């Protein structure tokens, strides 16, 4: 089964399994809990919010947006054209020679301290990824800048 989510709709997947989900046209799909999707792709102006669950293949194409806060990506993450992938966590490490999909491998921790390993598909995928550190790191950076400014 494949779910085609479009026309400004919203879908929440928090349990069960589905083969494919295609997201586009200002639609938002949230994957969480024990939801399991084999192929999860976002296209023009769609958004995927991955809070948990499992996706084997996660892809962002054209102007699609993926926000990843947790969960498992068991095979690969790919991004092409004007797509954006935001990954929220800390202790990120990118190894361009790692992984099994020719795009390197990204490791780190989700905000709940769960470790993750993501193989990137294709040599261009990493250039579409924004690594967004945990809020405490941002706060410490802001405070450090403030104190440096005061010393001058």
N, C-alpha and C. Protein backbone atom coordinates (compact mmCIF):
# COMPACT_ATOMS: atom_id res chain seq x y z
N UNK A 1 0.83 -1.18 0.00
CA UNK A 1 0.00 0.00 0.00
C UNK A 1 0.88 1.24 0.00
N UNK A 2 0.44 2.25 -0.71
CA UNK A 2 1.13 3.54 -0.73
C UNK A 2 0.12 4.64 -0.45
N UNK A 3 0.48 5.52 0.47
CA UNK A 3 -0.34 6.67 0.79
C UNK A 3 0.19 7.87 0.03
N UNK A 4 -0.64 8.49 -0.80
CA UNK A 4 -0.30 9.73 -1.48
C UNK A 4 -0.95 10.86 -0.71
N UNK A 5 -0.15 11.65 0.00
CA UNK A 5 -0.66 12.74 0.83
C UNK A 5 -0.39 14.06 0.10
N UNK A 6 -1.47 14.80 -0.23
CA UNK A 6 -1.32 16.04 -0.98
C UNK A 6 -2.49 16.98 -0.70
N UNK A 7 -2.46 18.17 -1.35
CA UNK A 7 -3.54 19.15 -1.27
C UNK A 7 -3.73 19.69 0.15
N UNK A 8 -2.63 20.10 0.78
CA UNK A 8 -2.64 20.73 2.11
C UNK A 8 -3.23 19.85 3.20
N UNK A 9 -3.04 18.56 3.11
CA UNK A 9 -3.58 17.64 4.12
C UNK A 9 -2.52 17.36 5.19
N UNK A 10 -2.94 16.63 6.22
CA UNK A 10 -2.06 16.22 7.31
C UNK A 10 -2.27 14.74 7.58
N UNK A 11 -1.19 14.01 7.77
CA UNK A 11 -1.28 12.60 8.12
C UNK A 11 -0.33 12.32 9.27
N UNK A 12 -0.80 11.55 10.24
CA UNK A 12 0.01 11.13 11.38
C UNK A 12 0.14 9.62 11.36
N UNK A 13 1.37 9.13 11.36
CA UNK A 13 1.63 7.70 11.38
C UNK A 13 2.35 7.39 12.69
N UNK A 14 1.64 6.74 13.62
CA UNK A 14 2.23 6.49 14.93
C UNK A 14 2.29 5.00 15.28
N UNK A 15 1.84 4.16 14.39
CA UNK A 15 1.88 2.72 14.61
C UNK A 15 1.57 2.01 13.31
N UNK A 16 1.79 0.71 13.30
CA UNK A 16 1.51 -0.07 12.10
C UNK A 16 2.60 0.09 11.06
N UNK A 17 2.36 -0.53 9.89
CA UNK A 17 3.33 -0.51 8.80
C UNK A 17 2.64 -0.16 7.50
N UNK A 18 3.36 0.55 6.66
CA UNK A 18 2.88 0.87 5.32
C UNK A 18 4.09 0.84 4.40
N UNK A 19 3.87 0.40 3.17
CA UNK A 19 5.00 0.29 2.25
C UNK A 19 5.54 1.66 1.86
N UNK A 20 4.67 2.54 1.38
CA UNK A 20 5.16 3.82 0.87
C UNK A 20 4.29 4.98 1.27
N UNK A 21 4.93 6.13 1.47
CA UNK A 21 4.22 7.39 1.71
C UNK A 21 4.88 8.44 0.82
N UNK A 22 4.06 9.11 0.01
CA UNK A 22 4.53 10.18 -0.86
C UNK A 22 3.85 11.46 -0.40
N UNK A 23 4.64 12.47 -0.08
CA UNK A 23 4.14 13.72 0.49
C UNK A 23 4.46 14.87 -0.47
N UNK A 24 3.45 15.72 -0.76
CA UNK A 24 3.69 16.88 -1.62
C UNK A 24 2.55 17.87 -1.51
N UNK A 25 2.70 19.01 -2.14
CA UNK A 25 1.63 20.02 -2.25
C UNK A 25 1.18 20.53 -0.88
N UNK A 26 2.11 21.10 -0.11
CA UNK A 26 1.82 21.74 1.18
C UNK A 26 1.20 20.79 2.21
N UNK A 27 1.55 19.54 2.12
CA UNK A 27 1.06 18.53 3.06
C UNK A 27 2.14 18.23 4.09
N UNK A 28 1.71 17.88 5.30
CA UNK A 28 2.63 17.51 6.37
C UNK A 28 2.32 16.09 6.84
N UNK A 29 3.36 15.27 6.92
CA UNK A 29 3.23 13.92 7.47
C UNK A 29 4.16 13.81 8.67
N UNK A 30 3.60 13.29 9.76
CA UNK A 30 4.38 13.08 10.99
C UNK A 30 4.52 11.58 11.22
N UNK A 31 5.77 11.13 11.37
CA UNK A 31 6.07 9.74 11.70
C UNK A 31 6.57 9.71 13.13
N UNK A 32 5.93 8.88 13.97
CA UNK A 32 6.30 8.82 15.39
C UNK A 32 5.98 7.43 15.94
N UNK A 33 6.24 7.26 17.23
CA UNK A 33 5.88 6.02 17.91
C UNK A 33 6.53 4.81 17.28
N UNK A 34 5.69 3.82 16.95
CA UNK A 34 6.18 2.59 16.34
C UNK A 34 5.81 2.51 14.86
N UNK A 35 5.46 3.64 14.27
CA UNK A 35 5.13 3.67 12.84
C UNK A 35 6.31 3.19 12.01
N UNK A 36 6.02 2.41 10.97
CA UNK A 36 7.05 1.82 10.13
C UNK A 36 6.69 2.06 8.68
N UNK A 37 7.58 2.76 7.95
CA UNK A 37 7.36 3.06 6.54
C UNK A 37 8.57 2.56 5.76
N UNK A 38 8.33 1.78 4.72
CA UNK A 38 9.45 1.30 3.91
C UNK A 38 10.06 2.44 3.11
N UNK A 39 9.25 3.17 2.36
CA UNK A 39 9.73 4.27 1.53
C UNK A 39 8.94 5.53 1.87
N UNK A 40 9.62 6.55 2.35
CA UNK A 40 8.99 7.81 2.76
C UNK A 40 9.66 8.94 1.98
N UNK A 41 8.92 9.54 1.04
CA UNK A 41 9.49 10.58 0.18
C UNK A 41 8.64 11.84 0.24
N UNK A 42 9.31 12.99 0.23
CA UNK A 42 8.63 14.28 0.19
C UNK A 42 9.07 15.01 -1.08
N UNK A 43 8.08 15.62 -1.73
CA UNK A 43 8.32 16.36 -2.96
C UNK A 43 7.92 17.81 -2.78
N UNK A 44 7.65 18.49 -3.87
CA UNK A 44 7.39 19.92 -3.94
C UNK A 44 6.52 20.43 -2.79
N UNK A 45 7.11 21.28 -1.95
CA UNK A 45 6.41 22.00 -0.88
C UNK A 45 5.77 21.11 0.18
N UNK A 46 6.17 19.88 0.29
CA UNK A 46 5.68 19.01 1.35
C UNK A 46 6.65 19.00 2.52
N UNK A 47 6.17 18.49 3.68
CA UNK A 47 7.00 18.42 4.88
C UNK A 47 6.82 17.08 5.57
N UNK A 48 7.92 16.49 5.98
CA UNK A 48 7.91 15.29 6.82
C UNK A 48 8.53 15.67 8.15
N UNK A 49 7.83 15.37 9.24
CA UNK A 49 8.37 15.54 10.59
C UNK A 49 8.55 14.14 11.18
N UNK A 50 9.79 13.72 11.32
CA UNK A 50 10.08 12.40 11.86
C UNK A 50 10.47 12.55 13.33
N UNK A 51 9.57 12.13 14.21
CA UNK A 51 9.77 12.23 15.65
C UNK A 51 10.21 10.90 16.26
N UNK A 52 9.96 9.83 15.54
CA UNK A 52 10.24 8.48 15.98
C UNK A 52 9.85 7.55 14.86
N UNK A 53 9.63 6.29 15.19
CA UNK A 53 9.27 5.33 14.16
C UNK A 53 10.48 4.92 13.34
N UNK A 54 10.19 4.20 12.25
CA UNK A 54 11.24 3.67 11.39
C UNK A 54 10.92 3.92 9.94
N UNK A 55 11.90 4.41 9.20
CA UNK A 55 11.80 4.53 7.75
C UNK A 55 13.02 3.82 7.16
N UNK A 56 12.78 2.92 6.21
CA UNK A 56 13.93 2.29 5.56
C UNK A 56 14.62 3.29 4.65
N UNK A 57 13.85 3.87 3.74
CA UNK A 57 14.38 4.85 2.79
C UNK A 57 13.64 6.16 3.01
N UNK A 58 14.38 7.24 3.28
CA UNK A 58 13.80 8.56 3.49
C UNK A 58 14.40 9.49 2.45
N UNK A 59 13.54 10.13 1.65
CA UNK A 59 14.04 10.98 0.59
C UNK A 59 13.34 12.32 0.53
N UNK A 60 14.10 13.36 0.22
CA UNK A 60 13.57 14.72 0.03
C UNK A 60 13.97 15.19 -1.37
N UNK A 61 12.98 15.62 -2.15
CA UNK A 61 13.21 15.95 -3.55
C UNK A 61 12.57 17.30 -3.85
N UNK A 62 13.14 18.01 -4.82
CA UNK A 62 12.66 19.34 -5.21
C UNK A 62 12.66 20.26 -3.99
N UNK A 63 11.58 20.89 -3.64
CA UNK A 63 11.57 21.82 -2.50
C UNK A 63 10.93 21.19 -1.27
N UNK A 64 11.03 19.89 -1.13
CA UNK A 64 10.51 19.21 0.05
C UNK A 64 11.39 19.45 1.27
N UNK A 65 10.77 19.37 2.46
CA UNK A 65 11.49 19.59 3.72
C UNK A 65 11.30 18.39 4.63
N UNK A 66 12.40 17.94 5.24
CA UNK A 66 12.36 16.87 6.23
C UNK A 66 12.96 17.40 7.52
N UNK A 67 12.22 17.25 8.62
CA UNK A 67 12.70 17.59 9.96
C UNK A 67 12.81 16.29 10.75
N UNK A 68 14.01 15.95 11.20
CA UNK A 68 14.22 14.69 11.91
C UNK A 68 14.62 14.98 13.35
N UNK A 69 13.78 14.49 14.28
CA UNK A 69 14.00 14.67 15.71
C UNK A 69 14.33 13.35 16.41
N UNK A 70 14.09 12.24 15.74
CA UNK A 70 14.31 10.94 16.33
C UNK A 70 13.89 9.85 15.37
N UNK A 71 13.99 8.61 15.82
CA UNK A 71 13.61 7.48 15.00
C UNK A 71 14.80 6.79 14.36
N UNK A 72 14.49 5.84 13.50
CA UNK A 72 15.51 5.04 12.81
C UNK A 72 15.36 5.18 11.31
N UNK A 73 16.47 5.38 10.63
CA UNK A 73 16.51 5.31 9.17
C UNK A 73 17.43 4.14 8.88
N UNK A 74 16.83 3.01 8.50
CA UNK A 74 17.59 1.76 8.47
C UNK A 74 18.40 1.54 7.20
N UNK A 75 18.04 2.17 6.09
CA UNK A 75 18.79 1.99 4.85
C UNK A 75 19.52 3.26 4.44
N UNK A 76 18.77 4.33 4.09
CA UNK A 76 19.46 5.54 3.66
C UNK A 76 18.55 6.76 3.67
N UNK A 77 19.22 7.92 3.71
CA UNK A 77 18.58 9.23 3.60
C UNK A 77 19.16 9.89 2.36
N UNK A 78 18.28 10.37 1.48
CA UNK A 78 18.74 11.05 0.28
C UNK A 78 18.04 12.40 0.13
N UNK A 79 18.74 13.36 -0.49
CA UNK A 79 18.15 14.68 -0.74
C UNK A 79 18.68 15.21 -2.07
N UNK A 80 17.78 15.80 -2.87
CA UNK A 80 18.13 16.27 -4.19
C UNK A 80 17.48 17.62 -4.48
N UNK A 81 18.02 18.29 -5.49
CA UNK A 81 17.51 19.58 -5.99
C UNK A 81 17.45 20.61 -4.87
N UNK A 82 16.31 21.22 -4.61
CA UNK A 82 16.20 22.28 -3.59
C UNK A 82 15.67 21.76 -2.25
N UNK A 83 15.78 20.49 -2.01
CA UNK A 83 15.28 19.91 -0.76
C UNK A 83 16.13 20.34 0.43
N UNK A 84 15.49 20.33 1.61
CA UNK A 84 16.17 20.70 2.86
C UNK A 84 15.89 19.60 3.89
N UNK A 85 16.94 19.18 4.59
CA UNK A 85 16.82 18.21 5.67
C UNK A 85 17.40 18.84 6.94
N UNK A 86 16.56 19.01 7.96
CA UNK A 86 16.99 19.55 9.24
C UNK A 86 17.08 18.40 10.24
N UNK A 87 18.24 18.23 10.85
CA UNK A 87 18.44 17.15 11.81
C UNK A 87 18.74 17.78 13.17
N UNK A 88 17.90 17.45 14.16
CA UNK A 88 17.99 18.02 15.50
C UNK A 88 18.67 17.02 16.44
N UNK A 89 19.76 17.43 17.06
CA UNK A 89 20.48 16.54 17.97
C UNK A 89 21.76 17.18 18.46
N UNK A 90 22.75 16.35 18.74
CA UNK A 90 24.04 16.86 19.20
C UNK A 90 25.13 15.82 18.95
N UNK A 91 26.38 16.25 19.14
CA UNK A 91 27.56 15.42 18.89
C UNK A 91 27.54 14.80 17.49
N UNK A 92 27.23 15.62 16.50
CA UNK A 92 27.18 15.16 15.11
C UNK A 92 28.59 14.85 14.61
N UNK A 93 28.70 13.79 13.79
CA UNK A 93 29.96 13.46 13.14
C UNK A 93 29.64 12.97 11.73
N UNK A 94 30.22 13.62 10.74
CA UNK A 94 30.02 13.23 9.35
C UNK A 94 31.30 12.60 8.82
N UNK A 95 31.19 11.38 8.33
CA UNK A 95 32.31 10.67 7.71
C UNK A 95 31.99 10.51 6.23
N UNK A 96 32.61 11.32 5.36
CA UNK A 96 32.29 11.25 3.93
C UNK A 96 32.64 9.92 3.28
N UNK A 97 33.50 9.12 3.91
CA UNK A 97 33.88 7.83 3.35
C UNK A 97 33.10 6.68 3.98
N UNK A 98 32.28 6.96 5.00
CA UNK A 98 31.56 5.90 5.70
C UNK A 98 30.26 5.53 5.00
N UNK A 99 29.57 4.58 5.58
CA UNK A 99 28.28 4.17 5.06
C UNK A 99 28.39 3.28 3.84
N UNK A 100 27.23 2.91 3.30
CA UNK A 100 27.20 1.98 2.17
C UNK A 100 26.44 2.53 0.97
N UNK A 101 26.15 3.84 0.96
CA UNK A 101 25.33 4.41 -0.12
C UNK A 101 26.01 5.55 -0.86
N UNK A 102 27.33 5.63 -0.81
CA UNK A 102 28.14 6.60 -1.55
C UNK A 102 27.97 8.06 -1.13
N UNK A 103 27.28 8.32 -0.01
CA UNK A 103 27.11 9.70 0.43
C UNK A 103 27.74 9.97 1.78
N UNK A 104 28.39 8.98 2.34
CA UNK A 104 28.97 9.12 3.67
C UNK A 104 28.00 8.65 4.74
N UNK A 105 28.41 8.88 5.97
CA UNK A 105 27.60 8.43 7.11
C UNK A 105 27.59 9.52 8.17
N UNK A 106 26.40 9.78 8.72
CA UNK A 106 26.22 10.77 9.77
C UNK A 106 25.85 10.06 11.05
N UNK A 107 26.56 10.37 12.13
CA UNK A 107 26.25 9.81 13.44
C UNK A 107 26.04 10.94 14.43
N UNK A 108 25.43 10.61 15.54
CA UNK A 108 25.20 11.59 16.59
C UNK A 108 24.18 11.07 17.57
N UNK A 109 23.55 12.00 18.27
CA UNK A 109 22.54 11.67 19.27
C UNK A 109 21.31 12.55 19.06
N UNK A 110 20.14 11.93 19.18
CA UNK A 110 18.90 12.70 19.18
C UNK A 110 18.82 13.47 20.49
N UNK A 111 17.88 14.39 20.59
CA UNK A 111 17.75 15.21 21.80
C UNK A 111 17.43 14.38 23.04
N UNK A 112 16.87 13.16 22.85
CA UNK A 112 16.59 12.30 24.00
C UNK A 112 17.78 11.40 24.37
N UNK A 113 18.94 11.69 23.80
CA UNK A 113 20.21 10.99 24.05
C UNK A 113 20.32 9.62 23.39
N UNK A 114 19.41 9.28 22.50
CA UNK A 114 19.50 8.04 21.73
C UNK A 114 20.49 8.24 20.58
N UNK A 115 21.44 7.32 20.44
CA UNK A 115 22.42 7.40 19.36
C UNK A 115 21.75 7.08 18.02
N UNK A 116 22.27 7.69 16.95
CA UNK A 116 21.78 7.36 15.61
C UNK A 116 22.94 7.23 14.64
N UNK A 117 22.70 6.44 13.60
CA UNK A 117 23.62 6.27 12.47
C UNK A 117 22.77 6.35 11.22
N UNK A 118 23.12 7.26 10.30
CA UNK A 118 22.36 7.41 9.06
C UNK A 118 23.32 7.33 7.89
N UNK A 119 23.08 6.38 6.98
CA UNK A 119 23.83 6.32 5.74
C UNK A 119 23.19 7.27 4.74
N UNK A 120 24.01 8.11 4.10
CA UNK A 120 23.51 9.10 3.15
C UNK A 120 23.62 8.55 1.73
N UNK A 121 22.57 8.78 0.95
CA UNK A 121 22.51 8.26 -0.41
C UNK A 121 22.98 9.34 -1.38
N UNK A 122 24.03 9.06 -2.10
CA UNK A 122 24.51 9.99 -3.12
C UNK A 122 25.43 11.06 -2.56
N UNK A 123 26.34 11.50 -3.39
CA UNK A 123 27.39 12.42 -2.95
C UNK A 123 26.89 13.82 -2.63
N UNK A 124 25.70 14.19 -3.06
CA UNK A 124 25.19 15.55 -2.86
C UNK A 124 24.29 15.69 -1.63
N UNK A 125 23.89 14.59 -1.03
CA UNK A 125 22.91 14.65 0.06
C UNK A 125 23.37 15.50 1.23
N UNK A 126 24.63 15.36 1.65
CA UNK A 126 25.09 16.09 2.84
C UNK A 126 24.95 17.61 2.67
N UNK A 127 25.09 18.11 1.45
CA UNK A 127 24.98 19.55 1.21
C UNK A 127 23.57 20.08 1.45
N UNK A 128 22.59 19.20 1.55
CA UNK A 128 21.20 19.60 1.81
C UNK A 128 20.83 19.53 3.29
N UNK A 129 21.77 19.09 4.13
CA UNK A 129 21.47 18.84 5.54
C UNK A 129 21.89 20.02 6.41
N UNK A 130 20.98 20.44 7.30
CA UNK A 130 21.28 21.42 8.34
C UNK A 130 21.32 20.67 9.66
N UNK A 131 22.46 20.73 10.34
CA UNK A 131 22.59 20.09 11.65
C UNK A 131 22.24 21.13 12.70
N UNK A 132 21.18 20.88 13.45
CA UNK A 132 20.67 21.85 14.41
C UNK A 132 20.94 21.31 15.81
N UNK A 133 21.86 21.98 16.55
CA UNK A 133 22.25 21.46 17.86
C UNK A 133 21.15 21.62 18.90
N UNK A 134 21.31 20.88 19.98
CA UNK A 134 20.34 20.93 21.07
C UNK A 134 20.22 22.36 21.60
N UNK A 135 19.07 22.72 22.16
CA UNK A 135 18.85 24.09 22.65
C UNK A 135 19.87 24.54 23.69
N UNK A 136 20.35 23.67 24.54
CA UNK A 136 21.34 24.06 25.56
C UNK A 136 22.63 24.54 24.92
N UNK A 137 23.04 23.90 23.83
CA UNK A 137 24.26 24.32 23.14
C UNK A 137 24.09 25.72 22.57
N UNK A 138 22.93 25.99 22.01
CA UNK A 138 22.67 27.33 21.47
C UNK A 138 22.67 28.37 22.58
N UNK A 139 22.10 28.03 23.73
CA UNK A 139 22.06 28.95 24.86
C UNK A 139 23.48 29.25 25.35
N UNK A 140 24.31 28.23 25.47
CA UNK A 140 25.69 28.44 25.90
C UNK A 140 26.46 29.30 24.90
N UNK A 141 26.24 29.08 23.62
CA UNK A 141 26.89 29.88 22.59
C UNK A 141 26.46 31.34 22.71
N UNK A 142 25.17 31.58 22.89
CA UNK A 142 24.66 32.95 23.01
C UNK A 142 25.23 33.63 24.25
N UNK A 143 25.28 32.92 25.37
CA UNK A 143 25.84 33.49 26.60
C UNK A 143 27.33 33.80 26.43
N UNK A 144 28.05 32.92 25.79
CA UNK A 144 29.47 33.16 25.53
C UNK A 144 29.69 34.41 24.69
N UNK A 145 28.88 34.58 23.65
CA UNK A 145 28.98 35.77 22.81
C UNK A 145 28.66 37.02 23.61
N UNK A 146 27.66 36.94 24.47
CA UNK A 146 27.27 38.08 25.30
C UNK A 146 28.40 38.48 26.24
N UNK A 147 29.04 37.51 26.89
CA UNK A 147 30.14 37.80 27.80
C UNK A 147 31.36 38.35 27.05
N UNK A 148 31.63 37.84 25.85
CA UNK A 148 32.74 38.37 25.06
C UNK A 148 32.48 39.81 24.67
N UNK A 149 31.26 40.11 24.34
CA UNK A 149 30.90 41.48 23.95
C UNK A 149 31.04 42.43 25.14
N UNK A 150 30.69 41.99 26.33
CA UNK A 150 30.78 42.82 27.54
C UNK A 150 32.23 43.12 27.91
N UNK A 151 33.15 42.18 27.63
CA UNK A 151 34.56 42.38 27.98
C UNK A 151 35.19 43.50 27.17
N UNK A 152 34.70 43.75 25.99
CA UNK A 152 35.28 44.78 25.12
C UNK A 152 34.90 46.09 25.65
